[in-house]
PDB file of N, CA and C in Angstrom:
ATOM      1  N   UNK A   1      29.756  -3.040   8.898  1.00  0.00           N
ATOM      2  CA  UNK A   1      28.985  -2.735  10.080  1.00  0.00           C
ATOM      3  C   UNK A   1      29.604  -3.482  11.243  1.00  0.00           C
ATOM      4  N   UNK A   2      29.940  -2.760  12.291  1.00  0.00           N
ATOM      5  CA  UNK A   2      30.555  -3.387  13.440  1.00  0.00           C
ATOM      6  C   UNK A   2      29.537  -4.168  14.253  1.00  0.00           C
ATOM      7  N   UNK A   3      30.066  -5.127  14.981  1.00  0.00           N
ATOM      8  CA  UNK A   3      29.171  -5.937  15.815  1.00  0.00           C
ATOM      9  C   UNK A   3      28.499  -5.095  16.885  1.00  0.00           C
ATOM     10  N   UNK A   4      29.220  -4.086  17.395  1.00  0.00           N
ATOM     11  CA  UNK A   4      28.619  -3.205  18.402  1.00  0.00           C
ATOM     12  C   UNK A   4      27.406  -2.488  17.844  1.00  0.00           C
ATOM     13  N   UNK A   5      27.516  -2.025  16.605  1.00  0.00           N
ATOM     14  CA  UNK A   5      26.388  -1.330  15.970  1.00  0.00           C
ATOM     15  C   UNK A   5      25.223  -2.283  15.765  1.00  0.00           C
ATOM     16  N   UNK A   6      25.518  -3.496  15.302  1.00  0.00           N
ATOM     17  CA  UNK A   6      24.456  -4.481  15.079  1.00  0.00           C
ATOM     18  C   UNK A   6      23.727  -4.799  16.375  1.00  0.00           C
ATOM     19  N   UNK A   7      24.495  -5.009  17.434  1.00  0.00           N
ATOM     20  CA  UNK A   7      23.897  -5.341  18.732  1.00  0.00           C
ATOM     21  C   UNK A   7      23.086  -4.162  19.256  1.00  0.00           C
ATOM     22  N   UNK A   8      23.649  -2.953  19.125  1.00  0.00           N
ATOM     23  CA  UNK A   8      22.936  -1.762  19.596  1.00  0.00           C
ATOM     24  C   UNK A   8      21.628  -1.545  18.862  1.00  0.00           C
ATOM     25  N   UNK A   9      21.649  -1.714  17.557  1.00  0.00           N
ATOM     26  CA  UNK A   9      20.429  -1.539  16.763  1.00  0.00           C
ATOM     27  C   UNK A   9      19.401  -2.622  17.085  1.00  0.00           C
ATOM     28  N   UNK A  10      19.874  -3.850  17.250  1.00  0.00           N
ATOM     29  CA  UNK A  10      18.956  -4.939  17.583  1.00  0.00           C
ATOM     30  C   UNK A  10      18.341  -4.724  18.967  1.00  0.00           C
ATOM     31  N   UNK A  11      19.152  -4.240  19.888  1.00  0.00           N
ATOM     32  CA  UNK A  11      18.658  -3.966  21.238  1.00  0.00           C
ATOM     33  C   UNK A  11      17.622  -2.859  21.224  1.00  0.00           C
ATOM     34  N   UNK A  12      17.899  -1.808  20.470  1.00  0.00           N
ATOM     35  CA  UNK A  12      16.959  -0.695  20.372  1.00  0.00           C
ATOM     36  C   UNK A  12      15.648  -1.151  19.728  1.00  0.00           C
ATOM     37  N   UNK A  13      15.752  -1.993  18.719  1.00  0.00           N
ATOM     38  CA  UNK A  13      14.563  -2.513  18.049  1.00  0.00           C
ATOM     39  C   UNK A  13      13.736  -3.361  19.016  1.00  0.00           C
ATOM     40  N   UNK A  14      14.410  -4.233  19.758  1.00  0.00           N
ATOM     41  CA  UNK A  14      13.717  -5.093  20.719  1.00  0.00           C
ATOM     42  C   UNK A  14      13.063  -4.269  21.821  1.00  0.00           C
ATOM     43  N   UNK A  15      13.781  -3.269  22.318  1.00  0.00           N
ATOM     44  CA  UNK A  15      13.215  -2.405  23.351  1.00  0.00           C
ATOM     45  C   UNK A  15      11.979  -1.689  22.822  1.00  0.00           C
ATOM     46  N   UNK A  16      12.022  -1.277  21.571  1.00  0.00           N
ATOM     47  CA  UNK A  16      10.862  -0.637  20.959  1.00  0.00           C
ATOM     48  C   UNK A  16       9.676  -1.573  20.873  1.00  0.00           C
ATOM     49  N   UNK A  17       9.941  -2.827  20.532  1.00  0.00           N
ATOM     50  CA  UNK A  17       8.854  -3.813  20.461  1.00  0.00           C
ATOM     51  C   UNK A  17       8.235  -4.038  21.832  1.00  0.00           C
ATOM     52  N   UNK A  18       9.101  -4.095  22.852  1.00  0.00           N
ATOM     53  CA  UNK A  18       8.603  -4.286  24.214  1.00  0.00           C
ATOM     54  C   UNK A  18       7.759  -3.081  24.635  1.00  0.00           C
ATOM     55  N   UNK A  19       8.261  -1.878  24.376  1.00  0.00           N
ATOM     56  CA  UNK A  19       7.512  -0.663  24.712  1.00  0.00           C
ATOM     57  C   UNK A  19       6.157  -0.657  24.022  1.00  0.00           C
ATOM     58  N   UNK A  20       6.166  -0.993  22.743  1.00  0.00           N
ATOM     59  CA  UNK A  20       4.909  -1.004  21.989  1.00  0.00           C
ATOM     60  C   UNK A  20       3.937  -2.013  22.588  1.00  0.00           C
ATOM     61  N   UNK A  21       4.435  -3.187  22.927  1.00  0.00           N
ATOM     62  CA  UNK A  21       3.577  -4.223  23.514  1.00  0.00           C
ATOM     63  C   UNK A  21       3.021  -3.828  24.866  1.00  0.00           C
ATOM     64  N   UNK A  22       3.863  -3.234  25.700  1.00  0.00           N
ATOM     65  CA  UNK A  22       3.400  -2.785  27.018  1.00  0.00           C
ATOM     66  C   UNK A  22       2.376  -1.670  26.845  1.00  0.00           C
ATOM     67  N   UNK A  23       2.641  -0.763  25.920  1.00  0.00           N
ATOM     68  CA  UNK A  23       1.691   0.315  25.666  1.00  0.00           C
ATOM     69  C   UNK A  23       0.348  -0.212  25.197  1.00  0.00           C
ATOM     70  N   UNK A  24       0.400  -1.215  24.335  1.00  0.00           N
ATOM     71  CA  UNK A  24      -0.846  -1.808  23.823  1.00  0.00           C
ATOM     72  C   UNK A  24      -1.587  -2.520  24.956  1.00  0.00           C
ATOM     73  N   UNK A  25      -0.835  -3.257  25.796  1.00  0.00           N
ATOM     74  CA  UNK A  25      -1.452  -4.024  26.886  1.00  0.00           C
ATOM     75  C   UNK A  25      -2.069  -3.120  27.951  1.00  0.00           C
ATOM     76  N   UNK A  26      -1.447  -1.969  28.190  1.00  0.00           N
ATOM     77  CA  UNK A  26      -1.935  -1.061  29.218  1.00  0.00           C
ATOM     78  C   UNK A  26      -2.811   0.052  28.646  1.00  0.00           C
ATOM     79  N   UNK A  27      -3.066  -0.005  27.362  1.00  0.00           N
ATOM     80  CA  UNK A  27      -3.868   1.002  26.660  1.00  0.00           C
ATOM     81  C   UNK A  27      -3.246   2.393  26.801  1.00  0.00           C
ATOM     82  N   UNK A  28      -1.910   2.430  26.713  1.00  0.00           N
ATOM     83  CA  UNK A  28      -1.156   3.678  26.799  1.00  0.00           C
ATOM     84  C   UNK A  28      -0.668   4.020  25.392  1.00  0.00           C
ATOM     85  N   UNK A  29      -1.391   4.893  24.721  1.00  0.00           N
ATOM     86  CA  UNK A  29      -1.087   5.214  23.329  1.00  0.00           C
ATOM     87  C   UNK A  29       0.275   5.881  23.172  1.00  0.00           C
ATOM     88  N   UNK A  30       0.660   6.711  24.144  1.00  0.00           N
ATOM     89  CA  UNK A  30       1.942   7.405  24.065  1.00  0.00           C
ATOM     90  C   UNK A  30       3.097   6.414  24.109  1.00  0.00           C
ATOM     91  N   UNK A  31       3.038   5.448  25.016  1.00  0.00           N
ATOM     92  CA  UNK A  31       4.088   4.442  25.125  1.00  0.00           C
ATOM     93  C   UNK A  31       4.136   3.566  23.879  1.00  0.00           C
ATOM     94  N   UNK A  32       2.981   3.233  23.361  1.00  0.00           N
ATOM     95  CA  UNK A  32       2.904   2.436  22.140  1.00  0.00           C
ATOM     96  C   UNK A  32       3.553   3.183  20.968  1.00  0.00           C
ATOM     97  N   UNK A  33       3.275   4.473  20.861  1.00  0.00           N
ATOM     98  CA  UNK A  33       3.858   5.292  19.790  1.00  0.00           C
ATOM     99  C   UNK A  33       5.370   5.413  19.970  1.00  0.00           C
ATOM    100  N   UNK A  34       5.831   5.575  21.210  1.00  0.00           N
ATOM    101  CA  UNK A  34       7.271   5.647  21.473  1.00  0.00           C
ATOM    102  C   UNK A  34       7.955   4.352  21.024  1.00  0.00           C
ATOM    103  N   UNK A  35       7.320   3.236  21.285  1.00  0.00           N
ATOM    104  CA  UNK A  35       7.875   1.945  20.880  1.00  0.00           C
ATOM    105  C   UNK A  35       8.008   1.843  19.374  1.00  0.00           C
ATOM    106  N   UNK A  36       6.986   2.278  18.664  1.00  0.00           N
ATOM    107  CA  UNK A  36       7.055   2.256  17.200  1.00  0.00           C
ATOM    108  C   UNK A  36       8.150   3.190  16.695  1.00  0.00           C
ATOM    109  N   UNK A  37       8.290   4.352  17.337  1.00  0.00           N
ATOM    110  CA  UNK A  37       9.338   5.311  16.956  1.00  0.00           C
ATOM    111  C   UNK A  37      10.717   4.714  17.185  1.00  0.00           C
ATOM    112  N   UNK A  38      10.909   4.065  18.322  1.00  0.00           N
ATOM    113  CA  UNK A  38      12.197   3.436  18.619  1.00  0.00           C
ATOM    114  C   UNK A  38      12.550   2.381  17.574  1.00  0.00           C
ATOM    115  N   UNK A  39      11.563   1.603  17.175  1.00  0.00           N
ATOM    116  CA  UNK A  39      11.793   0.569  16.166  1.00  0.00           C
ATOM    117  C   UNK A  39      12.179   1.196  14.827  1.00  0.00           C
ATOM    118  N   UNK A  40      11.496   2.262  14.460  1.00  0.00           N
ATOM    119  CA  UNK A  40      11.784   2.942  13.197  1.00  0.00           C
ATOM    120  C   UNK A  40      13.195   3.510  13.212  1.00  0.00           C
ATOM    121  N   UNK A  41      13.584   4.129  14.319  1.00  0.00           N
ATOM    122  CA  UNK A  41      14.932   4.687  14.433  1.00  0.00           C
ATOM    123  C   UNK A  41      15.985   3.597  14.311  1.00  0.00           C
ATOM    124  N   UNK A  42      15.761   2.472  14.965  1.00  0.00           N
ATOM    125  CA  UNK A  42      16.717   1.366  14.899  1.00  0.00           C
ATOM    126  C   UNK A  42      16.832   0.842  13.470  1.00  0.00           C
ATOM    127  N   UNK A  43      15.705   0.731  12.786  1.00  0.00           N
ATOM    128  CA  UNK A  43      15.728   0.245  11.406  1.00  0.00           C
ATOM    129  C   UNK A  43      16.448   1.217  10.479  1.00  0.00           C
ATOM    130  N   UNK A  44      16.257   2.512  10.693  1.00  0.00           N
ATOM    131  CA  UNK A  44      16.937   3.514   9.876  1.00  0.00           C
ATOM    132  C   UNK A  44      18.442   3.496  10.124  1.00  0.00           C
ATOM    133  N   UNK A  45      18.839   3.342  11.374  1.00  0.00           N
ATOM    134  CA  UNK A  45      20.263   3.263  11.697  1.00  0.00           C
ATOM    135  C   UNK A  45      20.890   2.040  11.033  1.00  0.00           C
ATOM    136  N   UNK A  46      20.177   0.930  11.097  1.00  0.00           N
ATOM    137  CA  UNK A  46      20.696  -0.293  10.486  1.00  0.00           C
ATOM    138  C   UNK A  46      20.813  -0.137   8.972  1.00  0.00           C
ATOM    139  N   UNK A  47      19.847   0.497   8.359  1.00  0.00           N
ATOM    140  CA  UNK A  47      19.901   0.730   6.912  1.00  0.00           C
ATOM    141  C   UNK A  47      21.076   1.633   6.561  1.00  0.00           C
ATOM    142  N   UNK A  48      21.314   2.650   7.377  1.00  0.00           N
ATOM    143  CA  UNK A  48      22.449   3.541   7.164  1.00  0.00           C
ATOM    144  C   UNK A  48      23.771   2.802   7.258  1.00  0.00           C
ATOM    145  N   UNK A  49      23.887   1.900   8.203  1.00  0.00           N
ATOM    146  CA  UNK A  49      25.107   1.099   8.365  1.00  0.00           C
ATOM    147  C   UNK A  49      25.307   0.194   7.152  1.00  0.00           C
ATOM    148  N   UNK A  50      24.229  -0.359   6.623  1.00  0.00           N
ATOM    149  CA  UNK A  50      24.333  -1.221   5.444  1.00  0.00           C
ATOM    150  C   UNK A  50      24.792  -0.420   4.237  1.00  0.00           C
ATOM    151  N   UNK A  51      24.316   0.813   4.096  1.00  0.00           N
ATOM    152  CA  UNK A  51      24.757   1.672   2.994  1.00  0.00           C
ATOM    153  C   UNK A  51      26.245   1.954   3.122  1.00  0.00           C
ATOM    154  N   UNK A  52      26.685   2.264   4.329  1.00  0.00           N
ATOM    155  CA  UNK A  52      28.114   2.515   4.567  1.00  0.00           C
ATOM    156  C   UNK A  52      28.948   1.295   4.178  1.00  0.00           C
ATOM    157  N   UNK A  53      28.470   0.114   4.587  1.00  0.00           N
ATOM    158  CA  UNK A  53      29.189  -1.119   4.267  1.00  0.00           C
ATOM    159  C   UNK A  53      29.244  -1.350   2.764  1.00  0.00           C
ATOM    160  N   UNK A  54      28.181  -1.005   2.055  1.00  0.00           N
ATOM    161  CA  UNK A  54      28.156  -1.203   0.606  1.00  0.00           C
ATOM    162  C   UNK A  54      29.206  -0.344  -0.087  1.00  0.00           C
ATOM    163  N   UNK A  55      29.416   0.868   0.426  1.00  0.00           N
ATOM    164  CA  UNK A  55      30.397   1.750  -0.190  1.00  0.00           C
ATOM    165  C   UNK A  55      31.829   1.421   0.218  1.00  0.00           C
ATOM    166  N   UNK A  56      32.006   0.689   1.295  1.00  0.00           N
ATOM    167  CA  UNK A  56      33.340   0.277   1.718  1.00  0.00           C
ATOM    168  C   UNK A  56      33.901  -0.818   0.810  1.00  0.00           C
ATOM    169  N   UNK A  57      33.010  -1.619   0.256  1.00  0.00           N
ATOM    170  CA  UNK A  57      33.434  -2.767  -0.563  1.00  0.00           C
ATOM    171  C   UNK A  57      33.892  -2.362  -1.922  1.00  0.00           C
TER     172      UNK A  57
END
């Protein structure tokens, strides 16, 4: 897994957490859901990268 991918996934995950928190604080359910979706996507991408790395070894 390249460092660029790790940083990108971590950034996407963090942005999702921020979105979720802002949505929760402002009682905006759509923004909160988007934040959770962003986090899930980042986690899936990271898992995919780990699988790729496992097969490279």
